[in-house]
Amino acid sequence: MRYLIAAAVMGLITVPSTLPAQDIRQVKYQRWGMFGGYKDKLIGQNSWKVIAGVNGRAPEGSAFNIALYRAAELSKVAGFKYFQIINQKGKQSYVSLGGASSKHSAGGDAELQIIAVNEPSAPENCLAERRELCMTLEVDATMQRVSPFLKFPRLK
């Protein structure tokens, strides 16, 4: 799964931000609840642990998209332009329906440990098993690239 998360990040970096809406299956972006969502915890100065989960037939990588958006959102609200992913974990579940040989996504979870920064330099303090799982991403670009995959609550 760690390879899947690294591939998802690299895919998000190269995904066009103007994909047609009909080509994308969205998941709800919401605080943690019965049907998944995100939760976060401040673990140090400008540093958070972000956990996300999805239930049901969410598209592959959905939990990671939620966690990635929340990491960018926390960094932006704190006044930073970049965030460093210094550790990441996750898993994707699959189920075969009706005895069919095809597999369908059945939920998953993702966990990021991030540090908000103002410089695009590479993380010095990588805690991941493999160095390539640590990276620095621009806040606004990340939010723009991930948002097409998320369904946001309507503002009242």
Protein backbone atom coordinates (compact mmCIF):
# COMPACT_ATOMS: atom_id res chain seq x y z
CA MET A 1 0.00 0.00 0.00
CA ARG A 2 2.88 2.35 0.65
CA TYR A 3 3.73 2.09 -3.04
CA LEU A 4 0.12 2.93 -3.89
CA ILE A 5 0.25 6.07 -1.76
CA ALA A 6 3.52 7.20 -3.32
CA ALA A 7 2.05 6.54 -6.76
CA ALA A 8 -1.09 8.49 -5.83
CA VAL A 9 0.98 11.51 -4.80
CA MET A 10 2.97 11.39 -8.01
CA GLY A 11 -0.26 11.00 -9.97
CA LEU A 12 -1.80 14.00 -8.27
CA ILE A 13 1.23 16.09 -9.08
CA THR A 14 0.76 15.36 -12.79
CA VAL A 15 -3.07 15.17 -13.02
CA PRO A 16 -4.57 18.07 -14.97
CA SER A 17 -6.62 20.28 -12.67
CA THR A 18 -9.40 20.68 -15.25
CA LEU A 19 -10.63 17.11 -15.61
CA PRO A 20 -14.25 16.85 -16.80
CA ALA A 21 -16.55 16.32 -13.81
CA GLN A 22 -18.24 13.29 -15.43
CA ASP A 23 -14.90 11.44 -15.48
CA ILE A 24 -14.40 11.67 -11.71
CA ARG A 25 -16.09 9.78 -8.87
CA GLN A 26 -16.06 12.04 -5.85
CA VAL A 27 -16.09 11.22 -2.14
CA LYS A 28 -17.37 13.46 0.65
CA TYR A 29 -14.85 15.73 2.33
CA GLN A 30 -16.03 15.84 5.94
CA ARG A 31 -14.91 15.51 9.52
CA TRP A 32 -14.61 11.92 10.78
CA GLY A 33 -17.99 10.25 11.16
CA MET A 34 -19.92 7.06 10.55
CA PHE A 35 -19.09 7.09 6.82
CA GLY A 36 -15.46 8.07 7.09
CA GLY A 37 -13.84 11.47 6.68
CA TYR A 38 -10.79 13.05 8.27
CA LYS A 39 -9.42 13.82 11.71
CA ASP A 40 -6.22 15.56 12.67
CA LYS A 41 -4.08 16.19 15.72
CA LEU A 42 -1.48 18.86 16.35
CA ILE A 43 1.68 16.96 17.35
CA GLY A 44 4.25 19.75 17.41
CA GLN A 45 4.89 23.27 16.25
CA ASN A 46 3.33 23.47 12.76
CA SER A 47 3.14 19.66 12.66
CA TRP A 48 0.05 17.45 12.40
CA LYS A 49 -1.00 13.85 12.07
CA VAL A 50 -3.86 13.61 9.56
CA ILE A 51 -5.96 10.45 9.38
CA ALA A 52 -8.62 9.80 6.75
CA GLY A 53 -10.87 6.87 5.98
CA VAL A 54 -13.58 5.92 3.51
CA ASN A 55 -16.22 3.21 3.60
CA GLY A 56 -18.05 1.40 0.86
CA ARG A 57 -17.24 1.58 -2.80
CA ALA A 58 -15.11 4.70 -2.77
CA PRO A 59 -12.64 5.03 -5.64
CA GLU A 60 -9.15 3.72 -4.98
CA GLY A 61 -6.98 6.32 -3.25
CA SER A 62 -9.93 8.30 -1.88
CA ALA A 63 -8.75 8.22 1.74
CA PHE A 64 -5.37 9.51 0.63
CA ASN A 65 -7.00 12.34 -1.35
CA ILE A 66 -8.94 13.38 1.75
CA ALA A 67 -5.82 13.27 3.93
CA LEU A 68 -3.78 15.19 1.38
CA TYR A 69 -6.40 17.94 1.06
CA ARG A 70 -6.72 18.23 4.84
CA ALA A 71 -2.93 18.48 5.21
CA ALA A 72 -2.88 21.33 2.68
CA GLU A 73 -5.85 22.99 4.36
CA LEU A 74 -4.24 22.90 7.82
CA SER A 75 -1.01 24.33 6.42
CA LYS A 76 -2.83 27.13 4.60
CA VAL A 77 -4.92 28.12 7.63
CA ALA A 78 -1.70 28.26 9.67
CA GLY A 79 -0.24 30.68 7.08
CA PHE A 80 2.20 28.40 5.24
CA LYS A 81 2.81 27.94 1.50
CA TYR A 82 4.12 24.36 1.59
CA PHE A 83 3.87 21.22 3.66
CA GLN A 84 6.28 18.35 4.03
CA ILE A 85 5.03 14.79 4.25
CA ILE A 86 7.51 13.18 6.63
CA ASN A 87 5.63 9.90 7.06
CA GLN A 88 2.69 8.17 5.41
CA LYS A 89 0.77 4.93 5.86
CA GLY A 90 -2.40 3.49 4.43
CA LYS A 91 -4.33 0.57 3.05
CA GLN A 92 -7.01 -0.10 0.47
CA SER A 93 -9.65 -2.81 0.91
CA TYR A 94 -11.27 -4.78 -1.90
CA VAL A 95 -14.28 -7.08 -2.16
CA SER A 96 -15.52 -9.49 -4.82
CA LEU A 97 -19.25 -9.13 -5.36
CA GLY A 98 -21.52 -12.04 -6.28
CA GLY A 99 -18.68 -14.49 -6.73
CA ALA A 100 -17.34 -12.46 -9.62
CA SER A 101 -13.66 -12.57 -10.32
CA SER A 102 -13.45 -8.77 -10.47
CA LYS A 103 -12.53 -6.83 -7.38
CA HIS A 104 -14.18 -3.61 -6.25
CA SER A 105 -12.78 -1.00 -3.91
CA ALA A 106 -14.34 -1.36 -0.46
CA GLY A 107 -12.87 1.50 1.51
CA GLY A 108 -9.49 2.33 2.89
CA ASP A 109 -7.52 4.57 5.19
CA ALA A 110 -4.54 6.89 5.04
CA GLU A 111 -2.34 8.56 7.63
CA LEU A 112 0.03 11.45 6.97
CA GLN A 113 2.47 13.14 9.30
CA ILE A 114 3.18 16.64 8.02
CA ILE A 115 5.12 19.78 8.85
CA ALA A 116 3.95 23.14 7.45
CA VAL A 117 6.81 25.21 5.99
CA ASN A 118 7.36 28.28 3.81
CA GLU A 119 10.20 26.91 1.69
CA PRO A 120 9.99 24.18 -0.98
CA SER A 121 13.08 22.35 0.29
CA ALA A 122 12.99 18.58 0.74
CA PRO A 123 12.14 17.23 4.21
CA GLU A 124 15.21 16.70 6.38
CA ASN A 125 13.39 14.59 8.95
CA CYS A 126 11.95 11.68 6.93
CA LEU A 127 10.33 9.05 9.18
CA ALA A 128 9.01 6.82 6.37
CA GLU A 129 10.47 3.40 5.58
CA ARG A 130 11.60 4.68 2.20
CA ARG A 131 12.94 8.16 1.53
CA GLU A 132 10.81 8.63 -1.63
CA LEU A 133 7.67 8.56 0.55
CA CYS A 134 8.72 11.92 2.01
CA MET A 135 8.17 15.05 -0.05
CA THR A 136 7.31 18.74 -0.02
CA LEU A 137 4.14 19.92 -1.75
CA GLU A 138 2.77 23.38 -2.48
CA VAL A 139 -0.44 24.06 -0.55
CA ASP A 140 -2.52 25.81 -3.23
CA ALA A 141 -1.45 23.50 -6.05
CA THR A 142 -2.25 20.43 -3.94
CA MET A 143 -5.70 21.73 -3.02
CA GLN A 144 -6.44 22.56 -6.65
CA ARG A 145 -5.33 19.15 -7.91
CA VAL A 146 -7.12 17.12 -5.23
CA SER A 147 -10.40 19.07 -5.03
CA PRO A 148 -11.97 17.54 -8.19
CA PHE A 149 -11.95 14.17 -6.40
CA LEU A 150 -13.79 15.50 -3.33
CA LYS A 151 -17.38 16.55 -2.73
CA PHE A 152 -17.47 19.48 -0.32
CA PRO A 153 -20.35 20.33 2.02
CA ARG A 154 -22.60 23.13 0.85
CA LEU A 155 -22.17 26.38 2.71
CA LYS A 156 -25.33 27.69 4.34
